Amino acid sequence: MNTTRILIITAILGLGSASVGGLSGCAAMGTGKSTGEYIDDAALTAKVKAELYRDPQVSGMAVNVDTYKGIVQLNGFVDSAQQKQRAEQIARNIPGVQDVQNKLSVKTATNQ
């Protein structure tokens, strides 16, 4: 390969990585989190959600999971107080979770 082609490829790769770096910085903009915190929180959310799906007692589909700086918030509806407690226990057992805010609501006859 000649020198000109090598320089062109290097320039393209450099621009591509700069774009990716810039986009990853944009992802965290407006959240008050660094890019690393944003990625860590996304990973925690995914881990909690995966464990909720695996658990036979809790319907992961009905539980929304949000994470901010290691604090997991559970939102949505469950069928019983036991499911609510189990969902919180699952979230607390994920390594890296700092705290859990359990805002799950137990379904009643009026909100089903």
PDB file of N, CA and C in Angstrom:
ATOM      1  N   MET A   1       0.850  -1.163   0.000  1.00  0.00           N
ATOM      2  CA  MET A   1       0.000   0.000   0.000  1.00  0.00           C
ATOM      3  C   MET A   1       0.900   1.231   0.000  1.00  0.00           C
ATOM      4  N   ASN A   2       0.546   2.232  -0.766  1.00  0.00           N
ATOM      5  CA  ASN A   2       1.399   3.413  -0.812  1.00  0.00           C
ATOM      6  C   ASN A   2       1.109   4.344   0.363  1.00  0.00           C
ATOM      7  N   THR A   3       1.969   5.297   0.563  1.00  0.00           N
ATOM      8  CA  THR A   3       1.900   6.200   1.704  1.00  0.00           C
ATOM      9  C   THR A   3       0.624   7.038   1.695  1.00  0.00           C
ATOM     10  N   THR A   4       0.182   7.469   0.543  1.00  0.00           N
ATOM     11  CA  THR A   4      -1.026   8.283   0.447  1.00  0.00           C
ATOM     12  C   THR A   4      -2.247   7.511   0.933  1.00  0.00           C
ATOM     13  N   ARG A   5      -2.363   6.253   0.516  1.00  0.00           N
ATOM     14  CA  ARG A   5      -3.506   5.433   0.961  1.00  0.00           C
ATOM     15  C   ARG A   5      -3.464   5.216   2.459  1.00  0.00           C
ATOM     16  N   ILE A   6      -2.282   5.002   2.995  1.00  0.00           N
ATOM     17  CA  ILE A   6      -2.141   4.802   4.444  1.00  0.00           C
ATOM     18  C   ILE A   6      -2.585   6.064   5.180  1.00  0.00           C
ATOM     19  N   LEU A   7      -2.186   7.226   4.695  1.00  0.00           N
ATOM     20  CA  LEU A   7      -2.582   8.486   5.332  1.00  0.00           C
ATOM     21  C   LEU A   7      -4.096   8.698   5.254  1.00  0.00           C
ATOM     22  N   ILE A   8      -4.697   8.372   4.126  1.00  0.00           N
ATOM     23  CA  ILE A   8      -6.152   8.521   3.968  1.00  0.00           C
ATOM     24  C   ILE A   8      -6.890   7.594   4.928  1.00  0.00           C
ATOM     25  N   ILE A   9      -6.458   6.347   4.998  1.00  0.00           N
ATOM     26  CA  ILE A   9      -7.106   5.383   5.902  1.00  0.00           C
ATOM     27  C   ILE A   9      -6.940   5.815   7.348  1.00  0.00           C
ATOM     28  N   THR A  10      -5.750   6.281   7.705  1.00  0.00           N
ATOM     29  CA  THR A  10      -5.504   6.749   9.067  1.00  0.00           C
ATOM     30  C   THR A  10      -6.399   7.937   9.397  1.00  0.00           C
ATOM     31  N   ALA A  11      -6.551   8.858   8.450  1.00  0.00           N
ATOM     32  CA  ALA A  11      -7.405  10.027   8.666  1.00  0.00           C
ATOM     33  C   ALA A  11      -8.861   9.609   8.848  1.00  0.00           C
ATOM     34  N   ILE A  12      -9.321   8.677   8.037  1.00  0.00           N
ATOM     35  CA  ILE A  12     -10.710   8.203   8.149  1.00  0.00           C
ATOM     36  C   ILE A  12     -10.938   7.524   9.492  1.00  0.00           C
ATOM     37  N   LEU A  13      -9.994   6.678   9.898  1.00  0.00           N
ATOM     38  CA  LEU A  13     -10.127   6.002  11.195  1.00  0.00           C
ATOM     39  C   LEU A  13     -10.102   7.014  12.332  1.00  0.00           C
ATOM     40  N   GLY A  14      -9.269   8.021  12.218  1.00  0.00           N
ATOM     41  CA  GLY A  14      -9.195   9.056  13.245  1.00  0.00           C
ATOM     42  C   GLY A  14     -10.488   9.826  13.365  1.00  0.00           C
ATOM     43  N   LEU A  15     -11.073  10.188  12.223  1.00  0.00           N
ATOM     44  CA  LEU A  15     -12.353  10.890  12.240  1.00  0.00           C
ATOM     45  C   LEU A  15     -13.462  10.020  12.800  1.00  0.00           C
ATOM     46  N   GLY A  16     -13.436   8.746  12.444  1.00  0.00           N
ATOM     47  CA  GLY A  16     -14.456   7.824  12.950  1.00  0.00           C
ATOM     48  C   GLY A  16     -14.395   7.691  14.452  1.00  0.00           C
ATOM     49  N   SER A  17     -13.191   7.544  14.995  1.00  0.00           N
ATOM     50  CA  SER A  17     -13.082   7.398  16.447  1.00  0.00           C
ATOM     51  C   SER A  17     -13.414   8.704  17.152  1.00  0.00           C
ATOM     52  N   ALA A  18     -13.083   9.837  16.531  1.00  0.00           N
ATOM     53  CA  ALA A  18     -13.453  11.127  17.122  1.00  0.00           C
ATOM     54  C   ALA A  18     -14.968  11.280  17.154  1.00  0.00           C
ATOM     55  N   SER A  19     -15.642  10.826  16.106  1.00  0.00           N
ATOM     56  CA  SER A  19     -17.101  10.904  16.061  1.00  0.00           C
ATOM     57  C   SER A  19     -17.721  10.043  17.141  1.00  0.00           C
ATOM     58  N   VAL A  20     -17.211   8.830  17.293  1.00  0.00           N
ATOM     59  CA  VAL A  20     -17.734   7.933  18.324  1.00  0.00           C
ATOM     60  C   VAL A  20     -17.502   8.521  19.695  1.00  0.00           C
ATOM     61  N   GLY A  21     -16.314   9.051  19.929  1.00  0.00           N
ATOM     62  CA  GLY A  21     -16.015   9.682  21.208  1.00  0.00           C
ATOM     63  C   GLY A  21     -16.925  10.860  21.477  1.00  0.00           C
ATOM     64  N   GLY A  22     -17.161  11.654  20.444  1.00  0.00           N
ATOM     65  CA  GLY A  22     -18.052  12.796  20.599  1.00  0.00           C
ATOM     66  C   GLY A  22     -19.469  12.375  20.884  1.00  0.00           C
ATOM     67  N   LEU A  23     -19.932  11.324  20.217  1.00  0.00           N
ATOM     68  CA  LEU A  23     -21.290  10.842  20.444  1.00  0.00           C
ATOM     69  C   LEU A  23     -21.447  10.257  21.831  1.00  0.00           C
ATOM     70  N   SER A  24     -20.437   9.539  22.307  1.00  0.00           N
ATOM     71  CA  SER A  24     -20.565   8.962  23.641  1.00  0.00           C
ATOM     72  C   SER A  24     -20.606  10.063  24.685  1.00  0.00           C
ATOM     73  N   GLY A  25     -19.896  11.154  24.445  1.00  0.00           N
ATOM     74  CA  GLY A  25     -19.981  12.286  25.352  1.00  0.00           C
ATOM     75  C   GLY A  25     -21.363  12.919  25.308  1.00  0.00           C
ATOM     76  N   CYS A  26     -21.968  12.958  24.132  1.00  0.00           N
ATOM     77  CA  CYS A  26     -23.308  13.528  23.980  1.00  0.00           C
ATOM     78  C   CYS A  26     -24.339  12.687  24.712  1.00  0.00           C
ATOM     79  N   ALA A  27     -24.132  11.388  24.758  1.00  0.00           N
ATOM     80  CA  ALA A  27     -25.104  10.511  25.401  1.00  0.00           C
ATOM     81  C   ALA A  27     -25.280  10.871  26.865  1.00  0.00           C
ATOM     82  N   ALA A  28     -24.203  11.316  27.496  1.00  0.00           N
ATOM     83  CA  ALA A  28     -24.282  11.640  28.915  1.00  0.00           C
ATOM     84  C   ALA A  28     -24.688  13.090  29.148  1.00  0.00           C
ATOM     85  N   MET A  29     -24.698  13.905  28.091  1.00  0.00           N
ATOM     86  CA  MET A  29     -25.050  15.313  28.258  1.00  0.00           C
ATOM     87  C   MET A  29     -26.493  15.440  28.731  1.00  0.00           C
ATOM     88  N   GLY A  30     -26.700  16.334  29.638  1.00  0.00           N
ATOM     89  CA  GLY A  30     -28.044  16.576  30.124  1.00  0.00           C
ATOM     90  C   GLY A  30     -28.472  15.627  31.234  1.00  0.00           C
ATOM     91  N   THR A  31     -27.641  14.624  31.542  1.00  0.00           N
ATOM     92  CA  THR A  31     -28.006  13.684  32.596  1.00  0.00           C
ATOM     93  C   THR A  31     -27.296  13.990  33.901  1.00  0.00           C
ATOM     94  N   GLY A  32     -26.293  14.862  33.842  1.00  0.00           N
ATOM     95  CA  GLY A  32     -25.513  15.145  35.039  1.00  0.00           C
ATOM     96  C   GLY A  32     -24.541  14.036  35.369  1.00  0.00           C
ATOM     97  N   LYS A  33     -24.324  13.128  34.434  1.00  0.00           N
ATOM     98  CA  LYS A  33     -23.434  11.993  34.653  1.00  0.00           C
ATOM     99  C   LYS A  33     -22.294  12.031  33.651  1.00  0.00           C
ATOM    100  N   SER A  34     -21.150  11.482  34.062  1.00  0.00           N
ATOM    101  CA  SER A  34     -20.064  11.305  33.113  1.00  0.00           C
ATOM    102  C   SER A  34     -20.425  10.156  32.184  1.00  0.00           C
ATOM    103  N   THR A  35     -19.693  10.033  31.099  1.00  0.00           N
ATOM    104  CA  THR A  35     -19.955   8.939  30.159  1.00  0.00           C
ATOM    105  C   THR A  35     -19.811   7.598  30.857  1.00  0.00           C
ATOM    106  N   GLY A  36     -18.798   7.480  31.712  1.00  0.00           N
ATOM    107  CA  GLY A  36     -18.598   6.232  32.456  1.00  0.00           C
ATOM    108  C   GLY A  36     -19.775   5.909  33.358  1.00  0.00           C
ATOM    109  N   GLU A  37     -20.294   6.916  34.055  1.00  0.00           N
ATOM    110  CA  GLU A  37     -21.454   6.696  34.923  1.00  0.00           C
ATOM    111  C   GLU A  37     -22.672   6.304  34.100  1.00  0.00           C
ATOM    112  N   TYR A  38     -22.827   6.957  32.951  1.00  0.00           N
ATOM    113  CA  TYR A  38     -23.960   6.653  32.070  1.00  0.00           C
ATOM    114  C   TYR A  38     -23.905   5.198  31.624  1.00  0.00           C
ATOM    115  N   ILE A  39     -22.719   4.737  31.240  1.00  0.00           N
ATOM    116  CA  ILE A  39     -22.550   3.350  30.798  1.00  0.00           C
ATOM    117  C   ILE A  39     -22.753   2.395  31.965  1.00  0.00           C
ATOM    118  N   ASP A  40     -22.194   2.720  33.140  1.00  0.00           N
ATOM    119  CA  ASP A  40     -22.375   1.869  34.319  1.00  0.00           C
ATOM    120  C   ASP A  40     -23.848   1.744  34.684  1.00  0.00           C
ATOM    121  N   ASP A  41     -24.575   2.860  34.659  1.00  0.00           N
ATOM    122  CA  ASP A  41     -25.998   2.837  34.982  1.00  0.00           C
ATOM    123  C   ASP A  41     -26.777   2.013  33.969  1.00  0.00           C
ATOM    124  N   ALA A  42     -26.428   2.135  32.697  1.00  0.00           N
ATOM    125  CA  ALA A  42     -27.105   1.346  31.658  1.00  0.00           C
ATOM    126  C   ALA A  42     -26.853  -0.144  31.870  1.00  0.00           C
ATOM    127  N   ALA A  43     -25.633  -0.492  32.259  1.00  0.00           N
ATOM    128  CA  ALA A  43     -25.303  -1.901  32.516  1.00  0.00           C
ATOM    129  C   ALA A  43     -26.081  -2.419  33.722  1.00  0.00           C
ATOM    130  N   LEU A  44     -26.176  -1.615  34.776  1.00  0.00           N
ATOM    131  CA  LEU A  44     -26.947  -2.035  35.952  1.00  0.00           C
ATOM    132  C   LEU A  44     -28.416  -2.226  35.601  1.00  0.00           C
ATOM    133  N   THR A  45     -28.968  -1.303  34.838  1.00  0.00           N
ATOM    134  CA  THR A  45     -30.363  -1.421  34.415  1.00  0.00           C
ATOM    135  C   THR A  45     -30.574  -2.720  33.653  1.00  0.00           C
ATOM    136  N   ALA A  46     -29.666  -3.033  32.736  1.00  0.00           N
ATOM    137  CA  ALA A  46     -29.786  -4.262  31.938  1.00  0.00           C
ATOM    138  C   ALA A  46     -29.677  -5.506  32.814  1.00  0.00           C
ATOM    139  N   LYS A  47     -28.776  -5.493  33.780  1.00  0.00           N
ATOM    140  CA  LYS A  47     -28.611  -6.654  34.670  1.00  0.00           C
ATOM    141  C   LYS A  47     -29.851  -6.871  35.532  1.00  0.00           C
ATOM    142  N   VAL A  48     -30.377  -5.786  36.085  1.00  0.00           N
ATOM    143  CA  VAL A  48     -31.584  -5.903  36.917  1.00  0.00           C
ATOM    144  C   VAL A  48     -32.741  -6.413  36.069  1.00  0.00           C
ATOM    145  N   LYS A  49     -32.922  -5.832  34.898  1.00  0.00           N
ATOM    146  CA  LYS A  49     -34.027  -6.236  34.018  1.00  0.00           C
ATOM    147  C   LYS A  49     -33.895  -7.714  33.632  1.00  0.00           C
ATOM    148  N   ALA A  50     -32.679  -8.164  33.322  1.00  0.00           N
ATOM    149  CA  ALA A  50     -32.455  -9.563  32.947  1.00  0.00           C
ATOM    150  C   ALA A  50     -32.814 -10.504  34.095  1.00  0.00           C
ATOM    151  N   GLU A  51     -32.435 -10.133  35.306  1.00  0.00           N
ATOM    152  CA  GLU A  51     -32.753 -10.982  36.462  1.00  0.00           C
ATOM    153  C   GLU A  51     -34.254 -10.995  36.744  1.00  0.00           C
ATOM    154  N   LEU A  52     -34.912  -9.871  36.538  1.00  0.00           N
ATOM    155  CA  LEU A  52     -36.371  -9.837  36.718  1.00  0.00           C
ATOM    156  C   LEU A  52     -37.055 -10.753  35.712  1.00  0.00           C
ATOM    157  N   TYR A  53     -36.569 -10.762  34.467  1.00  0.00           N
ATOM    158  CA  TYR A  53     -37.133 -11.650  33.448  1.00  0.00           C
ATOM    159  C   TYR A  53     -36.939 -13.113  33.813  1.00  0.00           C
ATOM    160  N   ARG A  54     -35.788 -13.433  34.396  1.00  0.00           N
ATOM    161  CA  ARG A  54     -35.471 -14.831  34.745  1.00  0.00           C
ATOM    162  C   ARG A  54     -36.256 -15.347  35.941  1.00  0.00           C
ATOM    163  N   ASP A  55     -36.687 -14.434  36.782  1.00  0.00           N
ATOM    164  CA  ASP A  55     -37.346 -14.854  38.013  1.00  0.00           C
ATOM    165  C   ASP A  55     -38.772 -15.310  37.729  1.00  0.00           C
ATOM    166  N   PRO A  56     -39.136 -16.514  38.195  1.00  0.00           N
ATOM    167  CA  PRO A  56     -40.485 -17.026  37.921  1.00  0.00           C
ATOM    168  C   PRO A  56     -41.593 -16.297  38.701  1.00  0.00           C
ATOM    169  N   GLN A  57     -41.225 -15.583  39.775  1.00  0.00           N
ATOM    170  CA  GLN A  57     -42.230 -14.911  40.590  1.00  0.00           C
ATOM    171  C   GLN A  57     -42.594 -13.516  40.087  1.00  0.00           C
ATOM    172  N   VAL A  58     -41.655 -12.871  39.399  1.00  0.00           N
ATOM    173  CA  VAL A  58     -41.846 -11.468  39.006  1.00  0.00           C
ATOM    174  C   VAL A  58     -41.940 -11.378  37.488  1.00  0.00           C
ATOM    175  N   SER A  59     -42.877 -10.588  37.014  1.00  0.00           N
ATOM    176  CA  SER A  59     -42.987 -10.357  35.583  1.00  0.00           C
ATOM    177  C   SER A  59     -42.121  -9.167  35.206  1.00  0.00           C
ATOM    178  N   GLY A  60     -40.957  -9.452  34.603  1.00  0.00           N
ATOM    179  CA  GLY A  60     -40.058  -8.388  34.188  1.00  0.00           C
ATOM    180  C   GLY A  60     -40.682  -7.448  33.182  1.00  0.00           C
ATOM    181  N   MET A  61     -41.676  -7.922  32.460  1.00  0.00           N
ATOM    182  CA  MET A  61     -42.332  -7.089  31.453  1.00  0.00           C
ATOM    183  C   MET A  61     -43.082  -5.923  32.096  1.00  0.00           C
ATOM    184  N   ALA A  62     -43.590  -6.111  33.294  1.00  0.00           N
ATOM    185  CA  ALA A  62     -44.412  -5.097  33.932  1.00  0.00           C
ATOM    186  C   ALA A  62     -43.614  -4.175  34.842  1.00  0.00           C
ATOM    187  N   VAL A  63     -42.294  -4.395  34.937  1.00  0.00           N
ATOM    188  CA  VAL A  63     -41.460  -3.599  35.828  1.00  0.00           C
ATOM    189  C   VAL A  63     -40.501  -2.755  34.991  1.00  0.00           C
ATOM    190  N   ASN A  64     -40.594  -1.448  35.163  1.00  0.00           N
ATOM    191  CA  ASN A  64     -39.654  -0.540  34.516  1.00  0.00           C
ATOM    192  C   ASN A  64     -38.491  -0.302  35.464  1.00  0.00           C
ATOM    193  N   VAL A  65     -37.280  -0.281  34.902  1.00  0.00           N
ATOM    194  CA  VAL A  65     -36.079  -0.100  35.702  1.00  0.00           C
ATOM    195  C   VAL A  65     -35.324   1.108  35.184  1.00  0.00           C
ATOM    196  N   ASP A  66     -35.029   2.044  36.081  1.00  0.00           N
ATOM    197  CA  ASP A  66     -34.205   3.208  35.765  1.00  0.00           C
ATOM    198  C   ASP A  66     -33.083   3.267  36.788  1.00  0.00           C
ATOM    199  N   THR A  67     -31.901   3.667  36.334  1.00  0.00           N
ATOM    200  CA  THR A  67     -30.753   3.752  37.234  1.00  0.00           C
ATOM    201  C   THR A  67     -30.087   5.101  37.077  1.00  0.00           C
ATOM    202  N   TYR A  68     -29.762   5.719  38.211  1.00  0.00           N
ATOM    203  CA  TYR A  68     -29.053   6.987  38.220  1.00  0.00           C
ATOM    204  C   TYR A  68     -27.983   6.929  39.296  1.00  0.00           C
ATOM    205  N   LYS A  69     -26.732   6.974  38.853  1.00  0.00           N
ATOM    206  CA  LYS A  69     -25.574   6.940  39.744  1.00  0.00           C
ATOM    207  C   LYS A  69     -25.649   5.765  40.718  1.00  0.00           C
ATOM    208  N   GLY A  70     -26.014   4.603  40.197  1.00  0.00           N
ATOM    209  CA  GLY A  70     -26.039   3.379  40.990  1.00  0.00           C
ATOM    210  C   GLY A  70     -27.308   3.149  41.785  1.00  0.00           C
ATOM    211  N   ILE A  71     -28.220   4.109  41.768  1.00  0.00           N
ATOM    212  CA  ILE A  71     -29.485   3.962  42.490  1.00  0.00           C
ATOM    213  C   ILE A  71     -30.544   3.495  41.491  1.00  0.00           C
ATOM    214  N   VAL A  72     -31.101   2.339  41.764  1.00  0.00           N
ATOM    215  CA  VAL A  72     -32.084   1.719  40.876  1.00  0.00           C
ATOM    216  C   VAL A  72     -33.483   2.094  41.347  1.00  0.00           C
ATOM    217  N   GLN A  73     -34.317   2.520  40.402  1.00  0.00           N
ATOM    218  CA  GLN A  73     -35.715   2.813  40.704  1.00  0.00           C
ATOM    219  C   GLN A  73     -36.583   1.830  39.936  1.00  0.00           C
ATOM    220  N   LEU A  74     -37.483   1.178  40.657  1.00  0.00           N
ATOM    221  CA  LEU A  74     -38.424   0.228  40.073  1.00  0.00           C
ATOM    222  C   LEU A  74     -39.793   0.896  39.989  1.00  0.00           C
ATOM    223  N   ASN A  75     -40.399   0.866  38.813  1.00  0.00           N
ATOM    224  CA  ASN A  75     -41.721   1.454  38.576  1.00  0.00           C
ATOM    225  C   ASN A  75     -42.590   0.439  37.845  1.00  0.00           C
ATOM    226  N   GLY A  76     -43.886   0.575  38.001  1.00  0.00           N
ATOM    227  CA  GLY A  76     -44.811  -0.292  37.283  1.00  0.00           C
ATOM    228  C   GLY A  76     -45.775  -0.974  38.236  1.00  0.00           C
ATOM    229  N   PHE A  77     -46.366  -2.052  37.740  1.00  0.00           N
ATOM    230  CA  PHE A  77     -47.387  -2.767  38.507  1.00  0.00           C
ATOM    231  C   PHE A  77     -47.017  -4.228  38.668  1.00  0.00           C
ATOM    232  N   VAL A  78     -47.297  -4.765  39.848  1.00  0.00           N
ATOM    233  CA  VAL A  78     -47.123  -6.191  40.129  1.00  0.00           C
ATOM    234  C   VAL A  78     -48.421  -6.708  40.729  1.00  0.00           C
ATOM    235  N   ASP A  79     -48.555  -8.026  40.759  1.00  0.00           N
ATOM    236  CA  ASP A  79     -49.800  -8.632  41.221  1.00  0.00           C
ATOM    237  C   ASP A  79     -49.925  -8.733  42.732  1.00  0.00           C
ATOM    238  N   SER A  80     -48.788  -8.709  43.448  1.00  0.00           N
ATOM    239  CA  SER A  80     -48.858  -8.920  44.894  1.00  0.00           C
ATOM    240  C   SER A  80     -47.723  -8.206  45.617  1.00  0.00           C
ATOM    241  N   ALA A  81     -47.897  -8.062  46.920  1.00  0.00           N
ATOM    242  CA  ALA A  81     -46.845  -7.471  47.753  1.00  0.00           C
ATOM    243  C   ALA A  81     -45.595  -8.351  47.725  1.00  0.00           C
ATOM    244  N   GLN A  82     -45.771  -9.662  47.594  1.00  0.00           N
ATOM    245  CA  GLN A  82     -44.630 -10.579  47.522  1.00  0.00           C
ATOM    246  C   GLN A  82     -43.810 -10.318  46.251  1.00  0.00           C
ATOM    247  N   GLN A  83     -44.482 -10.061  45.134  1.00  0.00           N
ATOM    248  CA  GLN A  83     -43.763  -9.754  43.896  1.00  0.00           C
ATOM    249  C   GLN A  83     -43.006  -8.423  44.027  1.00  0.00           C
ATOM    250  N   LYS A  84     -43.618  -7.473  44.673  1.00  0.00           N
ATOM    251  CA  LYS A  84     -42.970  -6.176  44.878  1.00  0.00           C
ATOM    252  C   LYS A  84     -41.697  -6.352  45.696  1.00  0.00           C
ATOM    253  N   GLN A  85     -41.801  -7.113  46.776  1.00  0.00           N
ATOM    254  CA  GLN A  85     -40.653  -7.360  47.646  1.00  0.00           C
ATOM    255  C   GLN A  85     -39.583  -8.157  46.905  1.00  0.00           C
ATOM    256  N   ARG A  86     -39.991  -9.148  46.135  1.00  0.00           N
ATOM    257  CA  ARG A  86     -39.045  -9.980  45.381  1.00  0.00           C
ATOM    258  C   ARG A  86     -38.295  -9.161  44.338  1.00  0.00           C
ATOM    259  N   ALA A  87     -38.982  -8.264  43.648  1.00  0.00           N
ATOM    260  CA  ALA A  87     -38.336  -7.412  42.647  1.00  0.00           C
ATOM    261  C   ALA A  87     -37.258  -6.541  43.300  1.00  0.00           C
ATOM    262  N   GLU A  88     -37.563  -5.999  44.460  1.00  0.00           N
ATOM    263  CA  GLU A  88     -36.578  -5.184  45.180  1.00  0.00           C
ATOM    264  C   GLU A  88     -35.386  -6.030  45.606  1.00  0.00           C
ATOM    265  N   GLN A  89     -35.652  -7.226  46.103  1.00  0.00           N
ATOM    266  CA  GLN A  89     -34.575  -8.122  46.528  1.00  0.00           C
ATOM    267  C   GLN A  89     -33.649  -8.456  45.342  1.00  0.00           C
ATOM    268  N   ILE A  90     -34.237  -8.720  44.195  1.00  0.00           N
ATOM    269  CA  ILE A  90     -33.454  -9.035  42.995  1.00  0.00           C
ATOM    270  C   ILE A  90     -32.543  -7.863  42.659  1.00  0.00           C
ATOM    271  N   ALA A  91     -33.100  -6.650  42.651  1.00  0.00           N
ATOM    272  CA  ALA A  91     -32.316  -5.463  42.310  1.00  0.00           C
ATOM    273  C   ALA A  91     -31.187  -5.245  43.309  1.00  0.00           C
ATOM    274  N   ARG A  92     -31.471  -5.402  44.588  1.00  0.00           N
ATOM    275  CA  ARG A  92     -30.446  -5.193  45.624  1.00  0.00           C
ATOM    276  C   ARG A  92     -29.292  -6.186  45.519  1.00  0.00           C
ATOM    277  N   ASN A  93     -29.557  -7.367  44.986  1.00  0.00           N
ATOM    278  CA  ASN A  93     -28.523  -8.401  44.896  1.00  0.00           C
ATOM    279  C   ASN A  93     -27.596  -8.247  43.688  1.00  0.00           C
ATOM    280  N   ILE A  94     -27.841  -7.275  42.835  1.00  0.00           N
ATOM    281  CA  ILE A  94     -26.981  -7.051  41.673  1.00  0.00           C
ATOM    282  C   ILE A  94     -25.751  -6.268  42.138  1.00  0.00           C
ATOM    283  N   PRO A  95     -24.562  -6.808  41.883  1.00  0.00           N
ATOM    284  CA  PRO A  95     -23.341  -6.079  42.274  1.00  0.00           C
ATOM    285  C   PRO A  95     -23.282  -4.705  41.598  1.00  0.00           C
ATOM    286  N   GLY A  96     -22.966  -3.683  42.393  1.00  0.00           N
ATOM    287  CA  GLY A  96     -22.872  -2.324  41.868  1.00  0.00           C
ATOM    288  C   GLY A  96     -24.076  -1.468  42.194  1.00  0.00           C
ATOM    289  N   VAL A  97     -25.192  -2.100  42.555  1.00  0.00           N
ATOM    290  CA  VAL A  97     -26.388  -1.343  42.925  1.00  0.00           C
ATOM    291  C   VAL A  97     -26.148  -0.721  44.302  1.00  0.00           C
ATOM    292  N   GLN A  98     -26.251   0.609  44.366  1.00  0.00           N
ATOM    293  CA  GLN A  98     -26.018   1.340  45.614  1.00  0.00           C
ATOM    294  C   GLN A  98     -27.260   1.354  46.508  1.00  0.00           C
ATOM    295  N   ASP A  99     -28.421   1.485  45.888  1.00  0.00           N
ATOM    296  CA  ASP A  99     -29.677   1.548  46.636  1.00  0.00           C
ATOM    297  C   ASP A  99     -30.813   1.241  45.665  1.00  0.00           C
ATOM    298  N   VAL A 100     -31.981   0.935  46.218  1.00  0.00           N
ATOM    299  CA  VAL A 100     -33.159   0.645  45.393  1.00  0.00           C
ATOM    300  C   VAL A 100     -34.327   1.484  45.903  1.00  0.00           C
ATOM    301  N   GLN A 101     -34.960   2.187  44.992  1.00  0.00           N
ATOM    302  CA  GLN A 101     -36.192   2.910  45.292  1.00  0.00           C
ATOM    303  C   GLN A 101     -37.329   2.112  44.658  1.00  0.00           C
ATOM    304  N   ASN A 102     -38.100   1.461  45.504  1.00  0.00           N
ATOM    305  CA  ASN A 102     -39.155   0.586  45.026  1.00  0.00           C
ATOM    306  C   ASN A 102     -40.466   1.361  44.943  1.00  0.00           C
ATOM    307  N   LYS A 103     -40.817   1.785  43.742  1.00  0.00           N
ATOM    308  CA  LYS A 103     -42.052   2.540  43.524  1.00  0.00           C
ATOM    309  C   LYS A 103     -43.084   1.688  42.790  1.00  0.00           C
ATOM    310  N   LEU A 104     -42.947   0.372  42.911  1.00  0.00           N
ATOM    311  CA  LEU A 104     -43.904  -0.536  42.287  1.00  0.00           C
ATOM    312  C   LEU A 104     -45.252  -0.426  42.993  1.00  0.00           C
ATOM    313  N   SER A 105     -46.308  -0.567  42.235  1.00  0.00           N
ATOM    314  CA  SER A 105     -47.660  -0.550  42.784  1.00  0.00           C
ATOM    315  C   SER A 105     -48.257  -1.938  42.654  1.00  0.00           C
ATOM    316  N   VAL A 106     -48.948  -2.357  43.684  1.00  0.00           N
ATOM    317  CA  VAL A 106     -49.640  -3.643  43.653  1.00  0.00           C
ATOM    318  C   VAL A 106     -51.001  -3.417  43.009  1.00  0.00           C
ATOM    319  N   LYS A 107     -51.301  -4.229  42.006  1.00  0.00           N
ATOM    320  CA  LYS A 107     -52.580  -4.112  41.297  1.00  0.00           C
ATOM    321  C   LYS A 107     -53.743  -4.367  42.243  1.00  0.00           C
ATOM    322  N   THR A 108     -54.779  -3.586  42.067  1.00  0.00           N
ATOM    323  CA  THR A 108     -56.027  -3.799  42.790  1.00  0.00           C
ATOM    324  C   THR A 108     -57.114  -3.979  41.751  1.00  0.00           C
ATOM    325  N   ALA A 109     -58.294  -4.268  42.180  1.00  0.00           N
ATOM    326  CA  ALA A 109     -59.406  -4.472  41.247  1.00  0.00           C
ATOM    327  C   ALA A 109     -59.676  -3.222  40.414  1.00  0.00           C
ATOM    328  N   THR A 110     -59.363  -2.044  40.961  1.00  0.00           N
ATOM    329  CA  THR A 110     -59.666  -0.803  40.230  1.00  0.00           C
ATOM    330  C   THR A 110     -58.605  -0.434  39.215  1.00  0.00           C
ATOM    331  N   ASN A 111     -57.364  -0.935  39.351  1.00  0.00           N
ATOM    332  CA  ASN A 111     -56.330  -0.539  38.387  1.00  0.00           C
ATOM    333  C   ASN A 111     -55.847  -1.691  37.507  1.00  0.00           C
ATOM    334  N   GLN A 112     -56.618  -2.739  37.386  1.00  0.00           N
ATOM    335  CA  GLN A 112     -56.217  -3.867  36.538  1.00  0.00           C
ATOM    336  C   GLN A 112     -56.702  -3.711  35.140  1.00  0.00           C
TER     337      GLN A 112
END
